[in-house]
């Protein structure tokens, strides 16, 4: 029995999160060229492909780009439902923290991202904005507002 107070989960870190897309090459151009993420892996096997990218400041956390049909055992009805949700832009967003949300927004907008929300202060203590990636996924950027303690 261990005499430490830590639990087995105390050393866990986030390794991957997944984003579903309908076109890997278009997604790669957006996440690499527009957002500045670095490619960690580009793996293909037949028609199956996935990309793993990471923020230069957090190379250990990878965003894995996969296709709508990327889940093993998915039925055609499930693929169709996922594709429909992707087209509507209602899948879970990615949220990036940054030092200057306005500067990030201007850079991403200048590179052609679809704007959903321009930067604005939120009641919950952040200034944030939102864009969509080429597949329709929402991407949010946030900067913490100074606390008025």
Protein backbone atom coordinates (compact mmCIF):
# COMPACT_ATOMS: atom_id res chain seq x y z
CA UNK A 1 0.00 0.00 0.00
CA UNK A 2 1.30 3.43 -0.96
CA UNK A 3 2.06 5.96 1.74
CA UNK A 4 1.66 8.95 -0.60
CA UNK A 5 -1.52 10.97 -0.74
CA UNK A 6 -1.62 11.09 -4.53
CA UNK A 7 -4.03 9.01 -6.51
CA UNK A 8 -3.26 7.03 -9.67
CA UNK A 9 -4.96 9.80 -11.67
CA UNK A 10 -2.71 12.54 -10.24
CA UNK A 11 -0.18 12.13 -13.06
CA UNK A 12 -2.67 12.10 -15.94
CA UNK A 13 -2.34 14.62 -18.73
CA UNK A 14 -4.51 15.22 -21.77
CA UNK A 15 -2.97 13.54 -24.82
CA UNK A 16 -5.50 13.88 -27.66
CA UNK A 17 -8.77 15.49 -28.55
CA UNK A 18 -10.57 14.73 -31.78
CA UNK A 19 -12.07 16.92 -34.48
CA UNK A 20 -14.23 15.44 -37.23
CA UNK A 21 -13.81 16.87 -40.74
CA UNK A 22 -15.03 16.11 -44.23
CA UNK A 23 -11.77 16.95 -46.04
CA UNK A 24 -8.36 16.28 -44.50
CA UNK A 25 -6.37 18.43 -46.91
CA UNK A 26 -8.59 21.48 -46.33
CA UNK A 27 -8.49 20.89 -42.57
CA UNK A 28 -4.70 20.54 -42.66
CA UNK A 29 -4.36 23.87 -44.45
CA UNK A 30 -6.61 25.57 -41.88
CA UNK A 31 -5.11 24.11 -38.71
CA UNK A 32 -1.49 24.30 -39.90
CA UNK A 33 -1.44 27.45 -42.03
CA UNK A 34 -4.20 29.57 -40.48
CA UNK A 35 -3.87 28.56 -36.81
CA UNK A 36 -0.15 27.78 -36.84
CA UNK A 37 -0.40 24.27 -35.39
CA UNK A 38 2.44 21.86 -36.04
CA UNK A 39 1.88 18.51 -37.76
CA UNK A 40 2.82 15.64 -35.47
CA UNK A 41 1.48 12.78 -37.62
CA UNK A 42 -0.12 12.30 -41.03
CA UNK A 43 -1.13 8.66 -41.25
CA UNK A 44 -2.94 6.89 -44.07
CA UNK A 45 -4.00 3.30 -44.54
CA UNK A 46 -6.10 2.79 -47.63
CA UNK A 47 -8.99 5.26 -47.47
CA UNK A 48 -8.44 5.84 -43.75
CA UNK A 49 -6.41 8.91 -42.74
CA UNK A 50 -5.82 10.92 -39.63
CA UNK A 51 -3.73 13.94 -38.81
CA UNK A 52 -2.37 14.91 -35.43
CA UNK A 53 -1.42 18.54 -34.85
CA UNK A 54 -0.30 20.43 -31.76
CA UNK A 55 0.16 24.00 -30.58
CA UNK A 56 3.86 24.87 -30.50
CA UNK A 57 3.41 25.81 -26.84
CA UNK A 58 1.83 22.42 -25.95
CA UNK A 59 3.35 19.74 -28.19
CA UNK A 60 2.19 16.97 -25.85
CA UNK A 61 -1.50 17.67 -26.48
CA UNK A 62 -2.49 16.59 -29.97
CA UNK A 63 -5.58 17.52 -31.91
CA UNK A 64 -6.42 14.52 -34.05
CA UNK A 65 -8.24 15.32 -37.28
CA UNK A 66 -10.36 12.41 -38.44
CA UNK A 67 -13.01 11.83 -41.05
CA UNK A 68 -16.72 11.46 -40.41
CA UNK A 69 -16.36 7.73 -41.06
CA UNK A 70 -13.40 7.46 -38.69
CA UNK A 71 -15.12 5.60 -35.86
CA UNK A 72 -14.82 1.80 -36.07
CA UNK A 73 -18.16 0.02 -36.23
CA UNK A 74 -20.20 3.06 -37.22
CA UNK A 75 -23.33 2.27 -39.14
CA UNK A 76 -24.17 4.20 -42.28
CA UNK A 77 -27.02 5.87 -40.36
CA UNK A 78 -24.52 7.01 -37.71
CA UNK A 79 -22.14 8.34 -40.39
CA UNK A 80 -25.01 10.23 -42.01
CA UNK A 81 -26.09 11.69 -38.64
CA UNK A 82 -22.50 12.75 -37.86
CA UNK A 83 -22.10 14.33 -41.30
CA UNK A 84 -25.37 16.20 -40.78
CA UNK A 85 -24.25 17.50 -37.37
CA UNK A 86 -20.90 18.53 -38.85
CA UNK A 87 -22.65 20.40 -41.68
CA UNK A 88 -24.79 22.25 -39.10
CA UNK A 89 -21.72 23.17 -37.03
CA UNK A 90 -23.10 21.69 -33.81
CA UNK A 91 -20.28 19.34 -32.83
CA UNK A 92 -18.19 20.17 -29.76
CA UNK A 93 -15.94 23.22 -30.28
CA UNK A 94 -12.23 23.61 -29.67
CA UNK A 95 -11.32 26.48 -27.35
CA UNK A 96 -7.85 27.98 -27.44
CA UNK A 97 -6.49 30.31 -24.75
CA UNK A 98 -4.28 33.13 -26.00
CA UNK A 99 -2.67 36.33 -24.75
CA UNK A 100 -4.44 38.69 -27.17
CA UNK A 101 -7.76 37.44 -28.52
CA UNK A 102 -8.21 40.52 -30.72
CA UNK A 103 -4.88 39.98 -32.49
CA UNK A 104 -5.57 36.27 -32.99
CA UNK A 105 -9.03 37.08 -34.32
CA UNK A 106 -7.66 39.60 -36.84
CA UNK A 107 -5.05 37.13 -38.08
CA UNK A 108 -7.52 34.26 -38.44
CA UNK A 109 -10.14 36.48 -40.10
CA UNK A 110 -7.53 37.89 -42.51
CA UNK A 111 -6.71 34.33 -43.54
CA UNK A 112 -10.32 33.68 -44.50
CA UNK A 113 -11.91 31.92 -41.52
CA UNK A 114 -15.69 32.18 -41.30
CA UNK A 115 -16.48 34.56 -38.44
CA UNK A 116 -19.17 33.47 -35.98
CA UNK A 117 -18.56 36.03 -33.23
CA UNK A 118 -16.20 39.01 -33.11
CA UNK A 119 -14.22 39.51 -29.90
CA UNK A 120 -16.35 40.56 -26.94
CA UNK A 121 -16.14 40.60 -23.16
CA UNK A 122 -18.20 37.85 -21.53
CA UNK A 123 -19.84 38.02 -18.12
CA UNK A 124 -17.94 34.90 -17.03
CA UNK A 125 -14.54 36.61 -17.15
CA UNK A 126 -13.11 36.14 -20.62
CA UNK A 127 -12.89 38.09 -23.84
CA UNK A 128 -13.56 35.63 -26.64
CA UNK A 129 -14.45 35.21 -30.29
CA UNK A 130 -15.51 32.36 -32.54
CA UNK A 131 -14.83 31.19 -36.08
CA UNK A 132 -15.60 28.01 -38.01
CA UNK A 133 -13.06 25.71 -39.58
CA UNK A 134 -13.71 24.72 -43.23
CA UNK A 135 -15.75 21.68 -42.11
CA UNK A 136 -18.02 23.82 -39.91
CA UNK A 137 -16.51 23.06 -36.49
CA UNK A 138 -16.59 26.01 -34.11
CA UNK A 139 -13.22 27.26 -32.91
CA UNK A 140 -13.17 29.72 -30.02
CA UNK A 141 -10.28 31.86 -28.78
CA UNK A 142 -10.27 33.38 -25.31
CA UNK A 143 -8.24 35.69 -23.13
CA UNK A 144 -8.95 35.94 -19.41
CA UNK A 145 -10.13 39.39 -18.37
CA UNK A 146 -8.43 41.10 -15.42
CA UNK A 147 -10.15 40.14 -12.20
CA UNK A 148 -11.68 42.98 -10.24
CA UNK A 149 -10.92 41.59 -6.78
